[in-house]
Amino acid sequence: MPLEIERKFLVTSDAWRATARDVVRMAQGYINDQAAMDTGRQRASVRVRVAGDAAFLNLKSRELGHTRQEFEYPIPVADAEALLALCVGGRIEKCRHHVEVGGRLWEVDEFLGDNAGLVVAEIELEDAGAPFERPAWLGAEVTDESRYYNLALASRPYRAWSDLEKRA
């Protein structure tokens, strides 16, 4: 069973940009919405993503926290575009920057559109307790805060958050 072990953090400065090695523009949407997950009607999110010139269908179990089941399959871009038109909620648009720190790859997501202003960094680990170097531009950990999950951002984008929510 494929597992994703990932930790997510807010980004506090642009210092990461100096070491970013590449960037991929992404558009993604969800076949189901946050409410279906919150009520337990569905136990996995179903995501469609176009990343550069590639596309993927992704299913991720609904556990809160750093470890979830994840299944991802490449699909034709034309199919992904058609599926994006069927998605509920808003479309997530972002630029994913790859940044290496201490021999590990960080994915820094700079959100666009309705989620502009939000920047988060994610690191995938081989196990939840694996050590990693914490770069100076890393802020608070938000791994356990579901509002920072892309599915939640599709349902309630960052622009709809209050100033207090954005500072918390």
C-alpha atoms as a PDB file:
ATOM      1  CA  MET A   1       0.000   0.000   0.000  1.00  0.00           C
ATOM      2  CA  PRO A   2       1.564   3.307  -1.045  1.00  0.00           C
ATOM      3  CA  LEU A   3       1.931   5.773   1.830  1.00  0.00           C
ATOM      4  CA  GLU A   4       2.699   9.464   1.755  1.00  0.00           C
ATOM      5  CA  ILE A   5       4.532  10.779   4.806  1.00  0.00           C
ATOM      6  CA  GLU A   6       4.608  14.524   4.442  1.00  0.00           C
ATOM      7  CA  ARG A   7       5.043  17.529   6.721  1.00  0.00           C
ATOM      8  CA  LYS A   8       3.745  20.963   5.770  1.00  0.00           C
ATOM      9  CA  PHE A   9       4.947  24.394   6.944  1.00  0.00           C
ATOM     10  CA  LEU A  10       4.196  28.032   6.322  1.00  0.00           C
ATOM     11  CA  VAL A  11       6.941  30.025   4.600  1.00  0.00           C
ATOM     12  CA  THR A  12       8.046  33.247   6.297  1.00  0.00           C
ATOM     13  CA  SER A  13      10.317  34.866   3.698  1.00  0.00           C
ATOM     14  CA  ASP A  14      11.441  34.727   0.071  1.00  0.00           C
ATOM     15  CA  ALA A  15      14.938  33.461   0.990  1.00  0.00           C
ATOM     16  CA  TRP A  16      14.116  30.043  -0.531  1.00  0.00           C
ATOM     17  CA  ARG A  17      13.967  31.613  -4.005  1.00  0.00           C
ATOM     18  CA  ALA A  18      17.769  31.922  -4.174  1.00  0.00           C
ATOM     19  CA  THR A  19      18.149  28.125  -4.144  1.00  0.00           C
ATOM     20  CA  ALA A  20      15.027  27.056  -6.065  1.00  0.00           C
ATOM     21  CA  ARG A  21      16.170  24.815  -8.903  1.00  0.00           C
ATOM     22  CA  ASP A  22      13.021  24.640 -11.003  1.00  0.00           C
ATOM     23  CA  VAL A  23       9.366  25.533 -11.036  1.00  0.00           C
ATOM     24  CA  VAL A  24       6.257  23.781 -12.372  1.00  0.00           C
ATOM     25  CA  ARG A  25       2.925  25.538 -12.839  1.00  0.00           C
ATOM     26  CA  MET A  26      -0.015  23.418 -11.682  1.00  0.00           C
ATOM     27  CA  ALA A  27      -3.787  23.480 -11.948  1.00  0.00           C
ATOM     28  CA  GLN A  28      -5.824  21.006  -9.971  1.00  0.00           C
ATOM     29  CA  GLY A  29      -9.353  20.311  -8.899  1.00  0.00           C
ATOM     30  CA  TYR A  30     -11.328  17.791  -6.890  1.00  0.00           C
ATOM     31  CA  ILE A  31     -14.114  15.440  -7.923  1.00  0.00           C
ATOM     32  CA  ASN A  32     -15.373  15.548  -4.316  1.00  0.00           C
ATOM     33  CA  ASP A  33     -15.472  18.439  -1.867  1.00  0.00           C
ATOM     34  CA  GLN A  34     -14.403  19.070   1.711  1.00  0.00           C
ATOM     35  CA  ALA A  35     -17.951  18.492   3.020  1.00  0.00           C
ATOM     36  CA  ALA A  36     -17.982  14.942   1.646  1.00  0.00           C
ATOM     37  CA  MET A  37     -14.787  14.261   3.560  1.00  0.00           C
ATOM     38  CA  ASP A  38     -15.883  16.029   6.768  1.00  0.00           C
ATOM     39  CA  THR A  39     -19.155  14.089   6.957  1.00  0.00           C
ATOM     40  CA  GLY A  40     -17.474  10.775   6.162  1.00  0.00           C
ATOM     41  CA  ARG A  41     -19.516  10.214   2.993  1.00  0.00           C
ATOM     42  CA  GLN A  42     -16.177   9.766   1.256  1.00  0.00           C
ATOM     43  CA  ARG A  43     -12.975   8.491   2.788  1.00  0.00           C
ATOM     44  CA  ALA A  44     -10.590   9.696   0.096  1.00  0.00           C
ATOM     45  CA  SER A  45     -10.116  12.840  -1.935  1.00  0.00           C
ATOM     46  CA  VAL A  46     -10.060  12.462  -5.718  1.00  0.00           C
ATOM     47  CA  ARG A  47      -7.805  15.027  -7.389  1.00  0.00           C
ATOM     48  CA  VAL A  48      -7.083  15.827 -11.023  1.00  0.00           C
ATOM     49  CA  ARG A  49      -3.827  17.716 -11.660  1.00  0.00           C
ATOM     50  CA  VAL A  50      -2.132  19.173 -14.691  1.00  0.00           C
ATOM     51  CA  ALA A  51       1.524  19.834 -13.908  1.00  0.00           C
ATOM     52  CA  GLY A  52       3.401  21.384 -16.795  1.00  0.00           C
ATOM     53  CA  ASP A  53       2.882  19.005 -19.715  1.00  0.00           C
ATOM     54  CA  ALA A  54       1.866  16.015 -17.568  1.00  0.00           C
ATOM     55  CA  ALA A  55      -1.402  15.094 -15.850  1.00  0.00           C
ATOM     56  CA  PHE A  56      -2.381  12.820 -12.976  1.00  0.00           C
ATOM     57  CA  LEU A  57      -5.367  11.345 -11.181  1.00  0.00           C
ATOM     58  CA  ASN A  58      -4.716  11.103  -7.438  1.00  0.00           C
ATOM     59  CA  LEU A  59      -6.598   9.467  -4.575  1.00  0.00           C
ATOM     60  CA  LYS A  60      -5.594  10.272  -1.008  1.00  0.00           C
ATOM     61  CA  SER A  61      -7.090   8.880   2.197  1.00  0.00           C
ATOM     62  CA  ARG A  62      -8.721  11.383   4.528  1.00  0.00           C
ATOM     63  CA  GLU A  63      -6.562  11.006   7.631  1.00  0.00           C
ATOM     64  CA  LEU A  64      -5.466  14.252   9.234  1.00  0.00           C
ATOM     65  CA  GLY A  65      -1.736  14.492   9.810  1.00  0.00           C
ATOM     66  CA  HIS A  66       1.483  13.467   8.152  1.00  0.00           C
ATOM     67  CA  THR A  67       0.701   9.922   6.950  1.00  0.00           C
ATOM     68  CA  ARG A  68      -1.946   9.009   4.387  1.00  0.00           C
ATOM     69  CA  GLN A  69      -2.533   6.391   1.726  1.00  0.00           C
ATOM     70  CA  GLU A  70      -1.887   7.898  -1.688  1.00  0.00           C
ATOM     71  CA  PHE A  71      -2.428   6.503  -5.161  1.00  0.00           C
ATOM     72  CA  GLU A  72      -1.396   8.488  -8.243  1.00  0.00           C
ATOM     73  CA  TYR A  73      -1.780   7.580 -11.904  1.00  0.00           C
ATOM     74  CA  PRO A  74      -0.649   9.411 -15.043  1.00  0.00           C
ATOM     75  CA  ILE A  75      -3.467  10.278 -17.442  1.00  0.00           C
ATOM     76  CA  PRO A  76      -3.574  12.102 -20.783  1.00  0.00           C
ATOM     77  CA  VAL A  77      -3.610  15.900 -20.421  1.00  0.00           C
ATOM     78  CA  ALA A  78      -6.761  16.127 -22.553  1.00  0.00           C
ATOM     79  CA  ASP A  79      -8.537  13.756 -20.129  1.00  0.00           C
ATOM     80  CA  ALA A  80      -7.352  15.822 -17.173  1.00  0.00           C
ATOM     81  CA  GLU A  81      -8.671  19.027 -18.746  1.00  0.00           C
ATOM     82  CA  ALA A  82     -12.053  17.362 -19.291  1.00  0.00           C
ATOM     83  CA  LEU A  83     -12.105  16.098 -15.702  1.00  0.00           C
ATOM     84  CA  LEU A  84     -11.153  19.541 -14.353  1.00  0.00           C
ATOM     85  CA  ALA A  85     -14.362  20.866 -15.914  1.00  0.00           C
ATOM     86  CA  LEU A  86     -16.300  18.346 -13.775  1.00  0.00           C
ATOM     87  CA  CYS A  87     -14.634  19.273 -10.488  1.00  0.00           C
ATOM     88  CA  VAL A  88     -16.512  20.826  -7.568  1.00  0.00           C
ATOM     89  CA  GLY A  89     -15.299  23.870  -5.679  1.00  0.00           C
ATOM     90  CA  GLY A  90     -12.609  26.148  -6.978  1.00  0.00           C
ATOM     91  CA  ARG A  91      -9.578  25.294  -9.010  1.00  0.00           C
ATOM     92  CA  ILE A  92      -6.234  25.337  -7.230  1.00  0.00           C
ATOM     93  CA  GLU A  93      -3.555  27.166  -9.186  1.00  0.00           C
ATOM     94  CA  LYS A  94       0.005  27.288  -7.968  1.00  0.00           C
ATOM     95  CA  CYS A  95       3.643  27.311  -8.885  1.00  0.00           C
ATOM     96  CA  ARG A  96       5.619  24.502  -7.274  1.00  0.00           C
ATOM     97  CA  HIS A  97       9.271  25.332  -6.690  1.00  0.00           C
ATOM     98  CA  HIS A  98      11.795  22.589  -5.909  1.00  0.00           C
ATOM     99  CA  VAL A  99      14.348  23.573  -3.289  1.00  0.00           C
ATOM    100  CA  GLU A 100      17.060  21.301  -1.912  1.00  0.00           C
ATOM    101  CA  VAL A 101      18.098  21.790   1.705  1.00  0.00           C
ATOM    102  CA  GLY A 102      20.394  19.442   3.581  1.00  0.00           C
ATOM    103  CA  GLY A 103      20.146  16.758   0.911  1.00  0.00           C
ATOM    104  CA  ARG A 104      16.343  16.719   1.003  1.00  0.00           C
ATOM    105  CA  LEU A 105      13.843  18.046  -1.513  1.00  0.00           C
ATOM    106  CA  TRP A 106      11.351  20.682  -0.391  1.00  0.00           C
ATOM    107  CA  GLU A 107       8.342  21.576  -2.513  1.00  0.00           C
ATOM    108  CA  VAL A 108       7.444  25.223  -2.026  1.00  0.00           C
ATOM    109  CA  ASP A 109       3.944  25.936  -3.293  1.00  0.00           C
ATOM    110  CA  GLU A 110       3.242  29.547  -4.190  1.00  0.00           C
ATOM    111  CA  PHE A 111      -0.522  29.762  -4.631  1.00  0.00           C
ATOM    112  CA  LEU A 112      -2.196  31.896  -7.299  1.00  0.00           C
ATOM    113  CA  GLY A 113      -5.756  33.024  -8.010  1.00  0.00           C
ATOM    114  CA  ASP A 114      -8.140  32.818  -5.054  1.00  0.00           C
ATOM    115  CA  ASN A 115      -5.335  31.474  -2.864  1.00  0.00           C
ATOM    116  CA  ALA A 116      -2.739  34.134  -3.797  1.00  0.00           C
ATOM    117  CA  GLY A 117      -0.635  35.220  -0.858  1.00  0.00           C
ATOM    118  CA  LEU A 118      -0.359  31.738   0.623  1.00  0.00           C
ATOM    119  CA  VAL A 119       3.038  30.017   0.415  1.00  0.00           C
ATOM    120  CA  VAL A 120       3.640  26.616   2.017  1.00  0.00           C
ATOM    121  CA  ALA A 121       6.563  24.211   1.987  1.00  0.00           C
ATOM    122  CA  GLU A 122       6.239  20.430   2.102  1.00  0.00           C
ATOM    123  CA  ILE A 123       8.793  17.725   2.687  1.00  0.00           C
ATOM    124  CA  GLU A 124       8.218  14.018   2.106  1.00  0.00           C
ATOM    125  CA  LEU A 125       9.931  11.701   4.574  1.00  0.00           C
ATOM    126  CA  GLU A 126      10.647   8.008   4.734  1.00  0.00           C
ATOM    127  CA  ASP A 127       9.098   7.895   8.214  1.00  0.00           C
ATOM    128  CA  ALA A 128       7.333  10.433  10.422  1.00  0.00           C
ATOM    129  CA  GLY A 129      10.253  10.838  12.812  1.00  0.00           C
ATOM    130  CA  ALA A 130      12.974  11.184  10.172  1.00  0.00           C
ATOM    131  CA  PRO A 131      15.305  14.107  10.893  1.00  0.00           C
ATOM    132  CA  PHE A 132      15.607  16.991   8.450  1.00  0.00           C
ATOM    133  CA  GLU A 133      17.323  20.352   8.326  1.00  0.00           C
ATOM    134  CA  ARG A 134      14.919  23.189   9.039  1.00  0.00           C
ATOM    135  CA  PRO A 135      15.709  26.128   6.719  1.00  0.00           C
ATOM    136  CA  ALA A 136      15.559  29.682   8.144  1.00  0.00           C
ATOM    137  CA  TRP A 137      12.631  30.574   5.834  1.00  0.00           C
ATOM    138  CA  LEU A 138      10.425  27.895   7.371  1.00  0.00           C
ATOM    139  CA  GLY A 139       7.622  29.049   9.672  1.00  0.00           C
ATOM    140  CA  ALA A 140       4.995  27.262  11.730  1.00  0.00           C
ATOM    141  CA  GLU A 141       4.131  23.657  10.995  1.00  0.00           C
ATOM    142  CA  VAL A 142       0.585  23.260   9.651  1.00  0.00           C
ATOM    143  CA  THR A 143       0.609  19.515   8.920  1.00  0.00           C
ATOM    144  CA  ASP A 144      -2.311  18.899  11.263  1.00  0.00           C
ATOM    145  CA  GLU A 145      -4.358  21.920  10.153  1.00  0.00           C
ATOM    146  CA  SER A 146      -6.787  20.742   7.480  1.00  0.00           C
ATOM    147  CA  ARG A 147      -7.558  24.284   6.249  1.00  0.00           C
ATOM    148  CA  TYR A 148      -4.120  24.263   4.578  1.00  0.00           C
ATOM    149  CA  TYR A 149      -4.893  21.094   2.615  1.00  0.00           C
ATOM    150  CA  ASN A 150      -5.508  21.759  -1.065  1.00  0.00           C
ATOM    151  CA  LEU A 151      -8.946  20.154  -0.888  1.00  0.00           C
ATOM    152  CA  ALA A 152      -9.948  22.633   1.815  1.00  0.00           C
ATOM    153  CA  LEU A 153      -8.466  25.537  -0.167  1.00  0.00           C
ATOM    154  CA  ALA A 154     -10.586  24.528  -3.169  1.00  0.00           C
ATOM    155  CA  SER A 155     -13.710  24.738  -0.997  1.00  0.00           C
ATOM    156  CA  ARG A 156     -12.736  27.802   1.055  1.00  0.00           C
ATOM    157  CA  PRO A 157      -9.855  29.719  -0.549  1.00  0.00           C
ATOM    158  CA  TYR A 158      -7.274  31.769   1.303  1.00  0.00           C
ATOM    159  CA  ARG A 159      -8.820  35.050   0.090  1.00  0.00           C
ATOM    160  CA  ALA A 160     -11.967  34.206   2.115  1.00  0.00           C
ATOM    161  CA  TRP A 161     -10.008  33.799   5.341  1.00  0.00           C
ATOM    162  CA  SER A 162     -10.179  36.560   7.946  1.00  0.00           C
ATOM    163  CA  ASP A 163      -7.014  38.474   8.870  1.00  0.00           C
ATOM    164  CA  LEU A 164      -6.991  36.571  12.173  1.00  0.00           C
ATOM    165  CA  GLU A 165      -7.117  33.208  10.344  1.00  0.00           C
ATOM    166  CA  LYS A 166      -4.223  34.268   8.129  1.00  0.00           C
ATOM    167  CA  ARG A 167      -2.092  35.158  11.168  1.00  0.00           C
ATOM    168  CA  ALA A 168      -2.961  32.089  13.210  1.00  0.00           C
END
